[in-house]
């Protein structure tokens, strides 16, 4: 079982990274709020340290590694997936906000706030509160992280990097594709939505 990895950041994808450790490239899935921090503070070939939640089961025989910058974040993730019907894949999608905020929503029984998380409807939100209220207070006390003003725009940078480095588009072409997609749908707020809209634009 793997609980911690320290290595060289080789590639950053939409929801995962490749971390080179001792000549082996580990695929590590990264929740949204952690990925935003990695993009702000690290670049390829930098040394990166991650606490790892190792997940493998009969239903999920392929090992899944999920990475976090702090041990408390890892602990909360493992508490979160202990809730019925909340597996690692759903939790990775859902954790788009800092642990502190989600834990506070649980302790305050704020169903409406939890429903804002990706893949979490009212029923799942109620299940999370029923299972974790009283267990999340520790994480609700984590210090608040001040995000730079440009953080919400990270997804545009990510899409641009993928279009150029992985898909072979020229920087100017990629920038134009992103700008046109955002003009068509100004409400886009994630890399997945932006990729979809860029693709639609290319089909016309």
N, C-alpha and C. Protein backbone atom coordinates (compact mmCIF):
# COMPACT_ATOMS: atom_id res chain seq x y z
N UNK A 1 0.85 -1.20 0.00
CA UNK A 1 0.00 0.00 0.00
C UNK A 1 0.89 1.26 0.00
N UNK A 2 0.46 2.26 -0.73
CA UNK A 2 1.22 3.52 -0.83
C UNK A 2 0.49 4.60 -0.03
N UNK A 3 1.20 5.28 0.87
CA UNK A 3 0.57 6.34 1.66
C UNK A 3 1.21 7.71 1.42
N UNK A 4 2.38 7.74 0.75
CA UNK A 4 3.07 9.01 0.55
C UNK A 4 4.01 8.85 -0.64
N UNK A 5 4.07 9.88 -1.48
CA UNK A 5 4.99 9.87 -2.62
C UNK A 5 5.69 11.21 -2.72
N UNK A 6 6.98 11.16 -3.01
CA UNK A 6 7.74 12.38 -3.29
C UNK A 6 8.55 12.13 -4.55
N UNK A 7 8.32 12.99 -5.54
CA UNK A 7 9.01 12.77 -6.81
C UNK A 7 8.95 14.01 -7.69
N UNK A 8 9.17 13.80 -8.99
CA UNK A 8 9.21 14.90 -9.96
C UNK A 8 7.90 14.96 -10.72
N UNK A 9 7.33 16.14 -10.76
CA UNK A 9 6.07 16.35 -11.48
C UNK A 9 6.36 16.30 -12.99
N UNK A 10 5.85 15.26 -13.64
CA UNK A 10 6.15 15.07 -15.06
C UNK A 10 5.09 15.66 -15.98
N UNK A 11 3.80 15.47 -15.63
CA UNK A 11 2.73 15.99 -16.47
C UNK A 11 1.53 16.35 -15.62
N UNK A 12 0.81 17.38 -16.06
CA UNK A 12 -0.43 17.78 -15.40
C UNK A 12 -1.57 17.64 -16.41
N UNK A 13 -2.59 16.87 -16.04
CA UNK A 13 -3.76 16.68 -16.89
C UNK A 13 -4.95 17.38 -16.24
N UNK A 14 -6.14 17.13 -16.78
CA UNK A 14 -7.33 17.79 -16.25
C UNK A 14 -7.60 17.42 -14.80
N UNK A 15 -7.51 16.13 -14.48
CA UNK A 15 -7.85 15.69 -13.12
C UNK A 15 -6.81 14.74 -12.52
N UNK A 16 -5.62 14.72 -13.11
CA UNK A 16 -4.57 13.84 -12.59
C UNK A 16 -3.20 14.37 -12.98
N UNK A 17 -2.18 13.78 -12.37
CA UNK A 17 -0.81 14.12 -12.71
C UNK A 17 -0.01 12.83 -12.88
N UNK A 18 1.14 12.95 -13.53
CA UNK A 18 2.12 11.86 -13.54
C UNK A 18 3.28 12.30 -12.66
N UNK A 19 3.58 11.49 -11.66
CA UNK A 19 4.65 11.79 -10.72
C UNK A 19 5.74 10.76 -10.88
N UNK A 20 6.96 11.21 -11.23
CA UNK A 20 8.09 10.30 -11.41
C UNK A 20 8.79 10.06 -10.09
N UNK A 21 8.81 8.80 -9.68
CA UNK A 21 9.46 8.42 -8.42
C UNK A 21 10.35 7.21 -8.66
N UNK A 22 11.66 7.40 -8.53
CA UNK A 22 12.60 6.29 -8.69
C UNK A 22 12.51 5.58 -10.02
N UNK A 23 12.31 6.34 -11.09
CA UNK A 23 12.24 5.75 -12.42
C UNK A 23 10.87 5.20 -12.79
N UNK A 24 9.89 5.34 -11.89
CA UNK A 24 8.52 4.86 -12.17
C UNK A 24 7.58 6.06 -12.23
N UNK A 25 6.71 6.08 -13.22
CA UNK A 25 5.73 7.17 -13.34
C UNK A 25 4.40 6.74 -12.72
N UNK A 26 4.01 7.39 -11.63
CA UNK A 26 2.75 7.07 -10.96
C UNK A 26 1.64 8.00 -11.46
N UNK A 27 0.50 7.42 -11.82
CA UNK A 27 -0.67 8.21 -12.18
C UNK A 27 -1.44 8.49 -10.89
N UNK A 28 -1.55 9.76 -10.54
CA UNK A 28 -2.21 10.14 -9.29
C UNK A 28 -3.39 11.04 -9.61
N UNK A 29 -4.58 10.63 -9.21
CA UNK A 29 -5.77 11.45 -9.40
C UNK A 29 -5.78 12.58 -8.36
N UNK A 30 -6.22 13.76 -8.78
CA UNK A 30 -6.15 14.94 -7.92
C UNK A 30 -7.52 15.63 -7.88
N UNK A 31 -8.13 15.79 -6.69
CA UNK A 31 -9.39 16.55 -6.59
C UNK A 31 -9.19 17.99 -7.05
N UNK A 32 -10.29 18.62 -7.48
CA UNK A 32 -10.23 19.95 -8.08
C UNK A 32 -9.53 21.01 -7.25
N UNK A 33 -9.86 21.09 -5.94
CA UNK A 33 -9.28 22.16 -5.14
C UNK A 33 -7.78 21.95 -4.93
N UNK A 34 -7.33 20.68 -4.92
CA UNK A 34 -5.89 20.38 -4.79
C UNK A 34 -5.18 20.70 -6.10
N UNK A 35 -5.83 20.38 -7.22
CA UNK A 35 -5.23 20.65 -8.53
C UNK A 35 -5.02 22.15 -8.73
N UNK A 36 -5.95 22.97 -8.27
CA UNK A 36 -5.80 24.41 -8.39
C UNK A 36 -4.55 24.88 -7.66
N UNK A 37 -4.31 24.30 -6.49
CA UNK A 37 -3.12 24.68 -5.70
C UNK A 37 -1.84 24.22 -6.40
N UNK A 38 -1.87 23.01 -6.95
CA UNK A 38 -0.68 22.51 -7.65
C UNK A 38 -0.35 23.40 -8.84
N UNK A 39 -1.36 23.80 -9.59
CA UNK A 39 -1.10 24.65 -10.76
C UNK A 39 -0.56 26.01 -10.36
N UNK A 40 -0.97 26.51 -9.19
CA UNK A 40 -0.48 27.81 -8.74
C UNK A 40 0.94 27.75 -8.22
N UNK A 41 1.33 26.63 -7.66
CA UNK A 41 2.59 26.58 -6.92
C UNK A 41 3.67 25.70 -7.52
N UNK A 42 3.32 24.91 -8.56
CA UNK A 42 4.31 23.98 -9.12
C UNK A 42 4.24 23.96 -10.64
N UNK A 43 5.33 23.53 -11.23
CA UNK A 43 5.38 23.35 -12.69
C UNK A 43 6.12 22.05 -12.98
N UNK A 44 6.04 21.59 -14.21
CA UNK A 44 6.68 20.32 -14.55
C UNK A 44 8.17 20.36 -14.25
N UNK A 45 8.65 19.22 -13.78
CA UNK A 45 10.03 18.99 -13.34
C UNK A 45 10.30 19.52 -11.93
N UNK A 46 9.30 20.12 -11.29
CA UNK A 46 9.45 20.48 -9.87
C UNK A 46 9.29 19.23 -9.01
N UNK A 47 9.89 19.27 -7.82
CA UNK A 47 9.69 18.19 -6.85
C UNK A 47 8.33 18.40 -6.18
N UNK A 48 7.57 17.33 -6.06
CA UNK A 48 6.24 17.43 -5.48
C UNK A 48 6.07 16.32 -4.43
N UNK A 49 5.50 16.70 -3.30
CA UNK A 49 5.24 15.74 -2.22
C UNK A 49 3.73 15.60 -2.04
N UNK A 50 3.25 14.36 -2.03
CA UNK A 50 1.82 14.13 -1.92
C UNK A 50 1.51 13.03 -0.91
N UNK A 51 0.49 13.26 -0.11
CA UNK A 51 -0.06 12.21 0.74
C UNK A 51 -1.06 11.44 -0.13
N UNK A 52 -0.98 10.13 -0.10
CA UNK A 52 -1.74 9.30 -1.02
C UNK A 52 -2.82 8.48 -0.32
N UNK A 53 -4.02 8.56 -0.86
CA UNK A 53 -5.10 7.67 -0.45
C UNK A 53 -5.13 6.54 -1.47
N UNK A 54 -4.81 5.33 -1.01
CA UNK A 54 -4.73 4.16 -1.88
C UNK A 54 -6.07 3.44 -1.85
N UNK A 55 -6.71 3.29 -3.01
CA UNK A 55 -8.04 2.70 -3.06
C UNK A 55 -8.08 1.52 -4.01
N UNK A 56 -8.51 0.38 -3.49
CA UNK A 56 -8.65 -0.83 -4.29
C UNK A 56 -9.70 -1.73 -3.63
N UNK A 57 -10.60 -2.27 -4.41
CA UNK A 57 -11.65 -3.12 -3.86
C UNK A 57 -12.06 -4.14 -4.91
N UNK A 58 -12.98 -5.04 -4.53
CA UNK A 58 -13.46 -6.04 -5.49
C UNK A 58 -14.18 -5.36 -6.66
N UNK A 59 -14.93 -4.30 -6.34
CA UNK A 59 -15.63 -3.56 -7.40
C UNK A 59 -14.66 -2.70 -8.20
N UNK A 60 -13.54 -2.32 -7.58
CA UNK A 60 -12.54 -1.47 -8.23
C UNK A 60 -11.18 -2.15 -8.09
N UNK A 61 -10.95 -3.24 -8.88
CA UNK A 61 -9.70 -4.01 -8.73
C UNK A 61 -8.44 -3.24 -9.12
N UNK A 62 -8.58 -2.29 -10.03
CA UNK A 62 -7.41 -1.48 -10.43
C UNK A 62 -7.11 -0.47 -9.32
N UNK A 63 -5.88 -0.46 -8.79
CA UNK A 63 -5.55 0.50 -7.72
C UNK A 63 -5.72 1.95 -8.19
N UNK A 64 -6.32 2.75 -7.33
CA UNK A 64 -6.51 4.17 -7.62
C UNK A 64 -5.76 4.97 -6.56
N UNK A 65 -4.84 5.82 -7.01
CA UNK A 65 -4.08 6.67 -6.10
C UNK A 65 -4.65 8.08 -6.18
N UNK A 66 -4.99 8.64 -5.02
CA UNK A 66 -5.54 10.00 -4.97
C UNK A 66 -4.58 10.84 -4.13
N UNK A 67 -4.14 11.98 -4.67
CA UNK A 67 -3.10 12.76 -4.01
C UNK A 67 -3.60 14.03 -3.34
N UNK A 68 -2.94 14.36 -2.21
CA UNK A 68 -3.27 15.55 -1.42
C UNK A 68 -2.00 16.22 -0.92
N UNK A 69 -2.08 17.54 -0.71
CA UNK A 69 -0.91 18.28 -0.23
C UNK A 69 -0.72 18.15 1.28
N UNK A 70 -1.80 17.85 2.03
CA UNK A 70 -1.68 17.72 3.48
C UNK A 70 -2.30 16.41 3.95
N UNK A 71 -1.85 15.95 5.10
CA UNK A 71 -2.38 14.71 5.65
C UNK A 71 -3.84 14.88 6.08
N UNK A 72 -4.20 16.08 6.55
CA UNK A 72 -5.59 16.33 6.96
C UNK A 72 -6.54 16.23 5.77
N UNK A 73 -6.12 16.75 4.63
CA UNK A 73 -6.96 16.64 3.43
C UNK A 73 -7.18 15.18 3.06
N UNK A 74 -6.11 14.38 3.15
CA UNK A 74 -6.21 12.95 2.86
C UNK A 74 -7.18 12.28 3.85
N UNK A 75 -7.06 12.61 5.12
CA UNK A 75 -7.94 12.03 6.15
C UNK A 75 -9.41 12.35 5.84
N UNK A 76 -9.66 13.61 5.46
CA UNK A 76 -11.05 13.99 5.19
C UNK A 76 -11.60 13.23 3.99
N UNK A 77 -10.78 13.07 2.96
CA UNK A 77 -11.21 12.32 1.77
C UNK A 77 -11.61 10.90 2.16
N UNK A 78 -10.82 10.25 2.99
CA UNK A 78 -11.11 8.87 3.39
C UNK A 78 -12.35 8.81 4.29
N UNK A 79 -12.58 9.86 5.06
CA UNK A 79 -13.82 9.95 5.83
C UNK A 79 -15.01 10.13 4.89
N UNK A 80 -14.85 10.99 3.90
CA UNK A 80 -15.90 11.30 2.93
C UNK A 80 -16.34 10.05 2.17
N UNK A 81 -15.38 9.22 1.74
CA UNK A 81 -15.75 8.03 0.94
C UNK A 81 -16.26 6.89 1.81
N UNK A 82 -16.26 7.09 3.12
CA UNK A 82 -16.85 6.07 4.00
C UNK A 82 -18.38 6.14 3.97
N UNK A 83 -18.92 7.24 3.41
CA UNK A 83 -20.36 7.40 3.31
C UNK A 83 -20.89 6.46 2.22
N UNK A 84 -22.02 5.84 2.46
CA UNK A 84 -22.63 4.93 1.50
C UNK A 84 -22.88 5.63 0.16
N UNK A 85 -22.50 4.96 -0.92
CA UNK A 85 -22.69 5.47 -2.29
C UNK A 85 -21.73 6.60 -2.67
N UNK A 86 -20.76 6.90 -1.82
CA UNK A 86 -19.74 7.91 -2.17
C UNK A 86 -18.41 7.19 -2.35
N UNK A 87 -18.10 6.82 -3.58
CA UNK A 87 -16.84 6.14 -3.86
C UNK A 87 -15.75 7.13 -4.22
N UNK A 88 -14.52 6.65 -4.42
CA UNK A 88 -13.40 7.54 -4.75
C UNK A 88 -13.65 8.40 -5.99
N UNK A 89 -14.22 7.81 -7.06
CA UNK A 89 -14.42 8.56 -8.31
C UNK A 89 -15.36 9.74 -8.09
N UNK A 90 -16.47 9.50 -7.39
CA UNK A 90 -17.42 10.58 -7.11
C UNK A 90 -16.80 11.63 -6.19
N UNK A 91 -16.07 11.18 -5.19
CA UNK A 91 -15.46 12.11 -4.23
C UNK A 91 -14.45 13.02 -4.92
N UNK A 92 -13.68 12.47 -5.84
CA UNK A 92 -12.69 13.28 -6.57
C UNK A 92 -13.39 14.39 -7.34
N UNK A 93 -14.51 14.06 -8.00
CA UNK A 93 -15.27 15.07 -8.75
C UNK A 93 -15.89 16.10 -7.81
N UNK A 94 -16.38 15.61 -6.68
CA UNK A 94 -17.15 16.47 -5.78
C UNK A 94 -16.29 17.48 -5.02
N UNK A 95 -15.06 17.10 -4.69
CA UNK A 95 -14.24 17.96 -3.84
C UNK A 95 -13.61 19.10 -4.64
N UNK A 96 -14.45 20.03 -5.05
CA UNK A 96 -13.98 21.19 -5.81
C UNK A 96 -13.74 22.39 -4.89
N UNK A 97 -14.20 22.29 -3.64
CA UNK A 97 -14.00 23.37 -2.67
C UNK A 97 -13.07 22.89 -1.57
N UNK A 98 -12.40 23.81 -0.87
CA UNK A 98 -11.50 23.40 0.21
C UNK A 98 -12.23 22.56 1.26
N UNK A 99 -11.48 21.64 1.86
CA UNK A 99 -12.02 20.75 2.89
C UNK A 99 -12.70 21.54 4.00
N UNK A 100 -12.10 22.64 4.41
CA UNK A 100 -12.65 23.46 5.50
C UNK A 100 -14.09 23.85 5.22
N UNK A 101 -14.39 24.28 3.99
CA UNK A 101 -15.73 24.72 3.63
C UNK A 101 -16.72 23.56 3.61
N UNK A 102 -16.30 22.42 3.06
CA UNK A 102 -17.20 21.27 2.98
C UNK A 102 -17.49 20.75 4.38
N UNK A 103 -16.47 20.70 5.23
CA UNK A 103 -16.66 20.22 6.60
C UNK A 103 -17.63 21.13 7.36
N UNK A 104 -17.53 22.43 7.15
CA UNK A 104 -18.44 23.36 7.81
C UNK A 104 -19.88 23.15 7.32
N UNK A 105 -20.04 22.90 6.04
CA UNK A 105 -21.38 22.64 5.50
C UNK A 105 -21.98 21.40 6.15
N UNK A 106 -21.15 20.39 6.38
CA UNK A 106 -21.62 19.16 7.03
C UNK A 106 -22.04 19.45 8.46
N UNK A 107 -21.18 20.13 9.21
CA UNK A 107 -21.47 20.40 10.62
C UNK A 107 -22.67 21.33 10.79
N UNK A 108 -22.90 22.20 9.83
CA UNK A 108 -24.04 23.13 9.90
C UNK A 108 -25.29 22.57 9.21
N UNK A 109 -25.19 21.33 8.73
CA UNK A 109 -26.30 20.65 8.05
C UNK A 109 -26.81 21.48 6.87
N UNK A 110 -25.89 22.05 6.13
CA UNK A 110 -26.24 22.91 4.99
C UNK A 110 -26.38 22.07 3.73
N UNK A 111 -27.53 21.45 3.57
CA UNK A 111 -27.79 20.60 2.41
C UNK A 111 -27.62 21.38 1.11
N UNK A 112 -28.11 22.60 1.10
CA UNK A 112 -28.03 23.42 -0.11
C UNK A 112 -26.59 23.62 -0.56
N UNK A 113 -25.69 23.87 0.39
CA UNK A 113 -24.28 24.07 0.04
C UNK A 113 -23.65 22.79 -0.50
N UNK A 114 -23.95 21.66 0.13
CA UNK A 114 -23.39 20.39 -0.33
C UNK A 114 -23.89 20.03 -1.72
N UNK A 115 -25.10 20.44 -2.04
CA UNK A 115 -25.65 20.15 -3.36
C UNK A 115 -24.91 20.90 -4.47
N UNK A 116 -24.12 21.90 -4.12
CA UNK A 116 -23.33 22.63 -5.11
C UNK A 116 -22.12 21.82 -5.57
N UNK A 117 -21.77 20.77 -4.83
CA UNK A 117 -20.63 19.93 -5.21
C UNK A 117 -21.03 19.05 -6.38
N UNK A 118 -20.11 18.81 -7.30
CA UNK A 118 -20.40 18.01 -8.49
C UNK A 118 -20.82 16.60 -8.11
N UNK A 119 -21.94 16.15 -8.67
CA UNK A 119 -22.41 14.80 -8.45
C UNK A 119 -23.15 14.57 -7.15
N UNK A 120 -23.34 15.62 -6.36
CA UNK A 120 -24.02 15.49 -5.07
C UNK A 120 -25.42 16.11 -5.15
N UNK A 121 -26.43 15.26 -5.17
CA UNK A 121 -27.80 15.73 -5.16
C UNK A 121 -28.30 15.82 -3.72
N UNK A 122 -29.57 16.10 -3.58
CA UNK A 122 -30.13 16.29 -2.23
C UNK A 122 -30.04 15.03 -1.38
N UNK A 123 -30.35 13.88 -1.99
CA UNK A 123 -30.31 12.64 -1.23
C UNK A 123 -28.90 12.32 -0.73
N UNK A 124 -27.93 12.47 -1.61
CA UNK A 124 -26.55 12.19 -1.20
C UNK A 124 -26.08 13.20 -0.15
N UNK A 125 -26.49 14.46 -0.31
CA UNK A 125 -26.12 15.49 0.67
C UNK A 125 -26.65 15.13 2.05
N UNK A 126 -27.88 14.65 2.08
CA UNK A 126 -28.48 14.26 3.36
C UNK A 126 -27.77 13.05 3.96
N UNK A 127 -27.35 12.11 3.10
CA UNK A 127 -26.61 10.94 3.57
C UNK A 127 -25.26 11.36 4.17
N UNK A 128 -24.60 12.30 3.51
CA UNK A 128 -23.30 12.78 3.98
C UNK A 128 -23.44 13.41 5.36
N UNK A 129 -24.46 14.24 5.53
CA UNK A 129 -24.68 14.89 6.82
C UNK A 129 -25.02 13.87 7.90
N UNK A 130 -25.89 12.91 7.57
CA UNK A 130 -26.29 11.90 8.55
C UNK A 130 -25.09 11.06 9.01
N UNK A 131 -24.19 10.77 8.07
CA UNK A 131 -23.05 9.91 8.39
C UNK A 131 -21.90 10.66 9.04
N UNK A 132 -21.70 11.93 8.69
CA UNK A 132 -20.47 12.61 9.09
C UNK A 132 -20.64 13.76 10.08
N UNK A 133 -21.88 14.20 10.33
CA UNK A 133 -22.05 15.29 11.29
C UNK A 133 -21.52 14.84 12.65
N UNK A 134 -20.66 15.69 13.24
CA UNK A 134 -20.03 15.34 14.49
C UNK A 134 -18.64 14.76 14.30
N UNK A 135 -18.33 14.36 13.05
CA UNK A 135 -17.01 13.80 12.74
C UNK A 135 -16.16 14.78 11.92
N UNK A 136 -16.81 15.84 11.40
CA UNK A 136 -16.11 16.75 10.49
C UNK A 136 -15.64 18.04 11.15
N UNK A 137 -15.94 18.23 12.44
CA UNK A 137 -15.60 19.49 13.11
C UNK A 137 -14.10 19.76 13.08
N UNK A 138 -13.31 18.72 13.23
CA UNK A 138 -11.84 18.86 13.20
C UNK A 138 -11.38 19.53 11.90
N UNK A 139 -11.99 19.13 10.80
CA UNK A 139 -11.58 19.65 9.49
C UNK A 139 -12.16 21.04 9.23
N UNK A 140 -13.29 21.34 9.87
CA UNK A 140 -13.89 22.67 9.73
C UNK A 140 -13.01 23.74 10.39
N UNK A 141 -12.10 23.32 11.25
CA UNK A 141 -11.21 24.27 11.95
C UNK A 141 -9.91 24.52 11.20
N UNK A 142 -9.75 23.90 10.04
CA UNK A 142 -8.52 24.12 9.26
C UNK A 142 -8.45 25.59 8.85
N UNK A 143 -7.26 26.19 8.82
CA UNK A 143 -7.14 27.60 8.45
C UNK A 143 -7.60 27.86 7.03
N UNK A 144 -8.18 29.02 6.83
CA UNK A 144 -8.66 29.40 5.51
C UNK A 144 -7.50 29.79 4.63
N UNK A 145 -7.51 29.28 3.40
CA UNK A 145 -6.45 29.61 2.45
C UNK A 145 -6.88 30.78 1.60
N UNK A 146 -6.02 31.77 1.49
CA UNK A 146 -6.32 32.93 0.64
C UNK A 146 -5.89 32.63 -0.78
N UNK A 147 -6.87 32.62 -1.69
CA UNK A 147 -6.59 32.33 -3.09
C UNK A 147 -6.33 33.62 -3.85
N UNK A 148 -5.39 33.58 -4.79
CA UNK A 148 -5.16 34.76 -5.61
C UNK A 148 -6.37 35.04 -6.50
N UNK A 149 -6.53 36.27 -6.91
CA UNK A 149 -7.70 36.67 -7.69
C UNK A 149 -7.84 35.89 -8.99
N UNK A 150 -6.70 35.45 -9.56
CA UNK A 150 -6.78 34.80 -10.86
C UNK A 150 -7.08 33.31 -10.78
N UNK A 151 -7.25 32.77 -9.58
CA UNK A 151 -7.46 31.33 -9.44
C UNK A 151 -8.61 30.79 -10.29
N UNK A 152 -9.78 31.48 -10.36
CA UNK A 152 -10.88 30.94 -11.15
C UNK A 152 -10.56 30.77 -12.63
N UNK A 153 -9.51 31.44 -13.12
CA UNK A 153 -9.16 31.35 -14.53
C UNK A 153 -8.21 30.20 -14.81
N UNK A 154 -7.84 29.42 -13.80
CA UNK A 154 -6.90 28.32 -13.99
C UNK A 154 -7.34 27.37 -15.09
N UNK A 155 -8.64 27.13 -15.21
CA UNK A 155 -9.11 26.15 -16.18
C UNK A 155 -8.79 26.57 -17.61
N UNK A 156 -8.76 27.89 -17.88
CA UNK A 156 -8.42 28.35 -19.23
C UNK A 156 -6.96 28.04 -19.55
N UNK A 157 -6.10 28.24 -18.55
CA UNK A 157 -4.67 27.95 -18.73
C UNK A 157 -4.48 26.47 -18.97
N UNK A 158 -5.19 25.67 -18.19
CA UNK A 158 -5.09 24.21 -18.32
C UNK A 158 -5.49 23.75 -19.72
N UNK A 159 -6.63 24.25 -20.21
CA UNK A 159 -7.10 23.86 -21.54
C UNK A 159 -6.12 24.31 -22.61
N UNK A 160 -5.60 25.51 -22.48
CA UNK A 160 -4.61 26.01 -23.43
C UNK A 160 -3.37 25.14 -23.47
N UNK A 161 -2.89 24.73 -22.29
CA UNK A 161 -1.70 23.87 -22.22
C UNK A 161 -1.93 22.52 -22.88
N UNK A 162 -3.12 21.95 -22.67
CA UNK A 162 -3.44 20.66 -23.27
C UNK A 162 -3.53 20.79 -24.79
N UNK A 163 -4.20 21.84 -25.27
CA UNK A 163 -4.35 22.04 -26.72
C UNK A 163 -2.99 22.15 -27.41
N UNK A 164 -2.04 22.80 -26.75
CA UNK A 164 -0.71 23.01 -27.36
C UNK A 164 0.21 21.81 -27.14
N UNK A 165 0.40 21.41 -25.87
CA UNK A 165 1.42 20.40 -25.58
C UNK A 165 1.00 18.98 -25.90
N UNK A 166 -0.31 18.69 -25.80
CA UNK A 166 -0.75 17.31 -26.02
C UNK A 166 -1.45 17.11 -27.36
N UNK A 167 -2.15 18.15 -27.84
CA UNK A 167 -2.93 17.99 -29.06
C UNK A 167 -2.30 18.65 -30.29
N UNK A 168 -1.18 19.35 -30.09
CA UNK A 168 -0.41 19.85 -31.22
C UNK A 168 -0.87 21.14 -31.86
N UNK A 169 -1.80 21.88 -31.22
CA UNK A 169 -2.22 23.16 -31.78
C UNK A 169 -1.18 24.23 -31.49
N UNK A 170 -1.12 25.23 -32.35
CA UNK A 170 -0.20 26.35 -32.12
C UNK A 170 -0.77 27.24 -31.02
N UNK A 171 0.10 27.91 -30.24
CA UNK A 171 -0.38 28.75 -29.12
C UNK A 171 -1.44 29.77 -29.54
N UNK A 172 -1.20 30.47 -30.66
CA UNK A 172 -2.17 31.47 -31.11
C UNK A 172 -3.51 30.84 -31.49
N UNK A 173 -3.44 29.67 -32.12
CA UNK A 173 -4.65 28.96 -32.52
C UNK A 173 -5.43 28.51 -31.28
N UNK A 174 -4.71 27.99 -30.29
CA UNK A 174 -5.35 27.53 -29.05
C UNK A 174 -6.02 28.69 -28.33
N UNK A 175 -5.31 29.83 -28.28
CA UNK A 175 -5.86 31.01 -27.60
C UNK A 175 -7.15 31.47 -28.28
N UNK A 176 -7.16 31.46 -29.61
CA UNK A 176 -8.35 31.88 -30.36
C UNK A 176 -9.52 30.92 -30.11
N UNK A 177 -9.24 29.61 -30.09
CA UNK A 177 -10.28 28.62 -29.85
C UNK A 177 -10.93 28.83 -28.48
N UNK A 178 -10.09 29.13 -27.48
CA UNK A 178 -10.60 29.35 -26.12
C UNK A 178 -11.41 30.64 -26.06
N UNK A 179 -10.90 31.70 -26.65
CA UNK A 179 -11.60 32.99 -26.63
C UNK A 179 -12.97 32.88 -27.30
N UNK A 180 -13.03 32.19 -28.44
CA UNK A 180 -14.30 32.05 -29.15
C UNK A 180 -15.29 31.20 -28.36
N UNK A 181 -14.79 30.16 -27.70
CA UNK A 181 -15.66 29.31 -26.88
C UNK A 181 -16.25 30.11 -25.72
N UNK A 182 -15.42 30.95 -25.09
CA UNK A 182 -15.89 31.75 -23.96
C UNK A 182 -16.88 32.82 -24.41
N UNK A 183 -16.74 33.32 -25.63
CA UNK A 183 -17.71 34.29 -26.15
C UNK A 183 -19.05 33.63 -26.37
N UNK A 184 -19.03 32.39 -26.87
CA UNK A 184 -20.29 31.68 -27.12
C UNK A 184 -20.98 31.30 -25.81
N UNK A 185 -20.16 30.92 -24.81
CA UNK A 185 -20.74 30.50 -23.51
C UNK A 185 -19.96 31.14 -22.36
N UNK A 186 -20.26 32.37 -22.03
CA UNK A 186 -19.53 33.08 -20.96
C UNK A 186 -19.67 32.42 -19.59
N UNK A 187 -20.66 31.54 -19.43
CA UNK A 187 -20.89 30.91 -18.13
C UNK A 187 -19.97 29.74 -17.85
N UNK A 188 -19.13 29.36 -18.79
CA UNK A 188 -18.22 28.23 -18.60
C UNK A 188 -17.34 28.47 -17.37
N UNK A 189 -17.24 27.44 -16.52
CA UNK A 189 -16.47 27.60 -15.28
C UNK A 189 -15.55 26.44 -14.98
N UNK A 190 -15.39 25.51 -15.93
CA UNK A 190 -14.50 24.37 -15.69
C UNK A 190 -13.82 23.96 -16.99
N UNK A 191 -12.72 23.22 -16.86
CA UNK A 191 -11.99 22.77 -18.05
C UNK A 191 -12.84 21.82 -18.89
N UNK A 192 -13.65 20.95 -18.22
CA UNK A 192 -14.48 20.01 -18.95
C UNK A 192 -15.49 20.75 -19.84
N UNK A 193 -16.13 21.77 -19.29
CA UNK A 193 -17.10 22.55 -20.06
C UNK A 193 -16.41 23.28 -21.21
N UNK A 194 -15.20 23.78 -20.95
CA UNK A 194 -14.49 24.53 -21.99
C UNK A 194 -14.05 23.60 -23.12
N UNK A 195 -13.54 22.41 -22.79
CA UNK A 195 -13.17 21.44 -23.83
C UNK A 195 -14.38 21.11 -24.70
N UNK A 196 -15.53 20.90 -24.06
CA UNK A 196 -16.76 20.57 -24.79
C UNK A 196 -17.13 21.68 -25.77
N UNK A 197 -17.06 22.93 -25.30
CA UNK A 197 -17.45 24.05 -26.15
C UNK A 197 -16.45 24.29 -27.27
N UNK A 198 -15.15 24.09 -26.99
CA UNK A 198 -14.14 24.21 -28.04
C UNK A 198 -14.40 23.16 -29.12
N UNK A 199 -14.72 21.95 -28.69
CA UNK A 199 -15.01 20.86 -29.65
C UNK A 199 -16.22 21.21 -30.50
N UNK A 200 -17.27 21.74 -29.85
CA UNK A 200 -18.47 22.11 -30.61
C UNK A 200 -18.13 23.18 -31.66
N UNK A 201 -17.28 24.10 -31.28
CA UNK A 201 -16.89 25.16 -32.21
C UNK A 201 -16.15 24.63 -33.43
N UNK A 202 -15.36 23.56 -33.22
CA UNK A 202 -14.60 22.99 -34.32
C UNK A 202 -15.47 22.17 -35.28
N UNK A 203 -16.63 21.73 -34.81
CA UNK A 203 -17.52 20.92 -35.65
C UNK A 203 -18.28 21.79 -36.65
N UNK A 204 -18.36 23.10 -36.38
CA UNK A 204 -19.16 23.97 -37.24
C UNK A 204 -18.46 24.24 -38.55
